[in-house]
Protein backbone atom coordinates (compact mmCIF):
# COMPACT_ATOMS: atom_id res chain seq x y z
CA MET A 1 -11.40 66.00 49.97
CA VAL A 2 -8.03 67.82 49.89
CA LEU A 3 -7.10 66.37 46.51
CA ASP A 4 -10.58 67.21 45.19
CA TYR A 5 -10.17 70.86 46.22
CA LEU A 6 -6.72 71.05 44.64
CA LYS A 7 -8.17 69.69 41.38
CA GLU A 8 -11.31 71.88 41.49
CA THR A 9 -9.21 75.04 41.87
CA ASP A 10 -6.70 74.06 39.17
CA ALA A 11 -3.89 74.04 41.74
CA LEU A 12 -2.41 70.83 40.26
CA LEU A 13 -0.44 71.72 37.16
CA GLU A 14 1.01 69.47 34.48
CA GLY A 15 3.79 70.52 32.11
CA HIS A 16 7.53 71.08 32.52
CA PHE A 17 8.57 73.03 35.60
CA LEU A 18 11.81 74.38 37.03
CA LEU A 19 11.60 73.97 40.80
CA SER A 20 13.32 76.34 43.23
CA SER A 21 15.71 73.46 44.01
CA GLY A 22 16.93 73.60 40.40
CA ARG A 23 15.36 70.22 39.61
CA HIS A 24 12.70 69.70 36.95
CA SER A 25 9.27 68.10 37.28
CA GLY A 26 6.29 67.31 35.08
CA ARG A 27 3.88 68.26 37.88
CA TYR A 28 3.60 71.29 40.15
CA VAL A 29 1.28 72.39 42.93
CA GLN A 30 0.31 76.07 42.79
CA CYS A 31 -1.49 76.52 46.11
CA ALA A 32 -2.19 80.17 45.28
CA LYS A 33 -4.96 78.79 43.05
CA LEU A 34 -6.56 77.09 46.08
CA LEU A 35 -5.98 80.05 48.38
CA GLN A 36 -8.08 82.35 46.20
CA TYR A 37 -11.14 80.49 47.55
CA PRO A 38 -11.20 81.21 51.31
CA GLU A 39 -13.76 78.58 52.32
CA LYS A 40 -11.99 75.77 50.43
CA ALA A 41 -8.60 76.93 51.71
CA ARG A 42 -9.91 76.99 55.29
CA LYS A 43 -11.29 73.45 55.00
CA VAL A 44 -7.98 72.16 53.62
CA ILE A 45 -5.88 73.93 56.24
CA LYS A 46 -8.24 72.63 58.94
CA VAL A 47 -7.11 69.13 57.87
CA THR A 48 -3.53 70.21 58.60
CA ALA A 49 -4.57 71.72 61.94
CA GLU A 50 -6.26 68.50 63.04
CA LYS A 51 -2.94 66.65 62.61
CA VAL A 52 -0.81 69.07 64.66
CA HIS A 53 0.13 67.38 67.95
CA VAL A 54 2.85 69.68 69.30
CA GLU A 55 2.53 72.61 71.69
CA PHE A 56 3.52 75.98 70.26
CA ASP A 57 2.94 79.70 70.76
CA THR A 58 3.16 81.22 67.31
CA ILE A 59 2.90 80.27 63.64
CA ILE A 60 5.41 81.73 61.19
CA GLY A 61 5.03 81.53 57.43
CA PRO A 62 7.69 82.50 54.91
CA ALA A 63 6.70 85.03 52.25
CA MET A 64 5.20 84.56 49.77
CA GLY A 65 3.58 81.16 49.89
CA GLY A 66 3.36 80.81 53.66
CA ILE A 67 1.68 84.12 54.51
CA ILE A 68 -1.95 83.22 53.78
CA PRO A 69 -1.73 79.60 55.03
CA ALA A 70 -0.13 80.80 58.31
CA CYS A 71 -2.90 83.36 58.74
CA ILE A 72 -5.64 80.78 58.12
CA LEU A 73 -3.96 78.22 60.39
CA GLY A 74 -3.68 80.90 63.08
CA GLU A 75 -7.39 81.61 62.79
CA VAL A 76 -8.31 77.90 62.84
CA MET A 77 -6.07 77.15 65.84
CA ASN A 78 -6.54 80.52 67.58
CA LYS A 79 -2.80 81.23 67.54
CA LYS A 80 -0.76 84.33 66.78
CA ASN A 81 0.90 84.29 63.37
CA ILE A 82 3.67 86.28 61.74
CA PHE A 83 5.65 86.01 58.54
CA SER A 84 9.25 86.23 57.46
CA GLU A 85 10.50 87.59 54.16
CA ARG A 86 13.68 87.76 52.15
CA VAL A 87 15.72 90.93 52.07
CA ASP A 88 18.69 90.69 49.71
CA ASN A 89 17.91 86.96 49.50
CA ILE A 90 18.24 86.49 53.28
CA MET A 91 15.23 85.44 55.37
CA THR A 92 14.45 88.10 57.95
CA LEU A 93 11.74 89.59 60.14
CA ARG A 94 10.41 93.04 59.29
CA ARG A 95 7.24 95.06 59.89
CA GLY A 96 7.77 95.16 63.65
CA PHE A 97 7.54 91.38 64.15
CA GLU A 98 9.58 90.12 67.09
CA ILE A 99 10.52 86.77 68.57
CA GLU A 100 10.74 86.34 72.34
CA ARG A 101 13.41 84.11 73.84
CA GLY A 102 11.94 80.61 74.30
CA GLU A 103 8.87 81.30 72.16
CA LYS A 104 7.80 78.09 70.39
CA PHE A 105 7.04 78.19 66.67
CA LEU A 106 5.28 76.09 64.07
CA ILE A 107 6.48 76.92 60.55
CA MET A 108 3.59 76.91 58.03
CA GLU A 109 4.10 76.71 54.27
CA ASP A 110 1.85 76.20 51.29
CA VAL A 111 4.06 73.48 49.80
CA ILE A 112 7.15 71.84 51.26
CA THR A 113 9.33 70.35 48.55
CA THR A 114 13.02 70.32 49.49
CA GLY A 115 12.52 72.20 52.77
CA LYS A 116 14.91 74.99 51.85
CA SER A 117 12.58 77.85 52.82
CA SER A 118 11.48 76.04 55.97
CA MET A 119 15.09 75.58 57.07
CA GLU A 120 15.84 79.26 56.37
CA VAL A 121 12.94 80.23 58.63
CA LYS A 122 14.05 77.73 61.29
CA ARG A 123 17.54 79.28 61.35
CA LEU A 124 16.04 82.76 61.63
CA VAL A 125 13.76 81.79 64.53
CA GLU A 126 16.62 80.09 66.38
CA GLU A 127 19.03 82.99 65.79
CA LEU A 128 16.45 85.29 67.39
CA GLY A 129 16.02 83.05 70.45
CA GLY A 130 12.91 81.11 69.46
CA GLU A 131 12.40 77.37 69.18
CA VAL A 132 10.87 75.56 66.21
CA VAL A 133 8.80 72.53 67.25
CA GLY A 134 7.50 71.42 63.85
CA PHE A 135 6.55 72.19 60.28
CA ALA A 136 3.10 72.33 58.70
CA CYS A 137 1.92 72.67 55.13
CA ILE A 138 -0.94 72.18 52.75
CA VAL A 139 1.08 69.89 50.46
CA ASN A 140 4.13 67.87 51.45
CA ARG A 141 6.03 66.81 48.34
CA GLY A 142 7.93 64.25 50.46
CA LEU A 143 11.48 65.28 49.50
CA ALA A 144 12.43 67.21 52.64
CA LYS A 145 14.10 65.36 55.49
CA PHE A 146 13.50 67.06 58.83
CA GLU A 147 14.31 65.98 62.37
CA LEU A 148 11.06 67.61 63.54
CA PRO A 149 7.51 66.50 62.70
CA VAL A 150 5.74 67.64 59.53
CA PHE A 151 1.96 68.01 59.54
CA GLU A 152 0.38 68.14 56.09
CA ALA A 153 -3.12 68.20 54.64
CA ILE A 154 -1.89 65.90 51.87
CA LYS A 155 1.32 64.25 50.69
CA LEU A 156 1.88 64.29 46.91
CA GLU A 157 5.11 62.78 45.65
CA PHE A 158 5.97 63.77 42.08
CA GLU A 159 9.02 62.57 40.23
CA THR A 160 11.76 65.19 39.82
CA TYR A 161 14.77 65.19 37.52
CA ASP A 162 18.27 66.62 37.35
CA PRO A 163 18.32 69.12 34.47
CA GLU A 164 21.06 67.09 32.73
CA THR A 165 18.96 63.90 32.67
CA CYS A 166 15.45 65.39 32.46
CA PRO A 167 13.34 63.36 30.00
CA LEU A 168 11.12 66.41 29.42
CA CYS A 169 14.13 68.43 28.25
CA LYS A 170 15.26 65.52 26.09
CA GLY A 171 11.79 65.55 24.55
CA GLY A 172 12.37 69.15 23.46
CA SER A 173 10.33 71.14 25.99
CA LYS A 174 11.69 73.98 28.07
CA PRO A 175 10.84 74.32 31.77
CA ILE A 176 8.90 77.25 33.19
CA LYS A 177 9.40 78.62 36.70
CA PRO A 178 6.01 79.11 38.36
CA GLY A 179 7.20 79.80 41.93
CA SER A 180 8.16 83.07 43.61
CA ARG A 181 11.73 82.34 44.69
CA LYS A 182 14.67 83.78 42.80
CA PHE A 183 17.66 81.44 42.56
């Protein structure tokens, strides 16, 4: 069902993509395409929610891609949710959001690829006295290695390439950068 919804909403892209990690790939998941359909997005995120087996107080999603999924997961699980955002390329809390000492968090993303954003949010939460107990996402690309559990609606492993050895580049195409993160 999850894969069907990703296909129906054109969230699975094929081409030549520059990932935020700097690596290249011939496939990309643009969950924003799924998230424009609230009922489908809710059903997919409910799959993630059903897999969560840790106790937590609050969901936090990094801007941009984690804001809507965190909100939907919060609604599905009846949990408070907030979001973090980058200011001068540093993950931070704004808009009056606060973290209480000992508050337990689940980090929710649209897609987890290398885990870079998730780890930035984890550091932020811990610096402010909170505790991260796990990660959740719509799509887990399977490249991130965490010591905490990851709960995903679906795992999709796509091949990625170093720019120097990328067969797509060697074939003459140029990568496009579909994500929101600036390097």
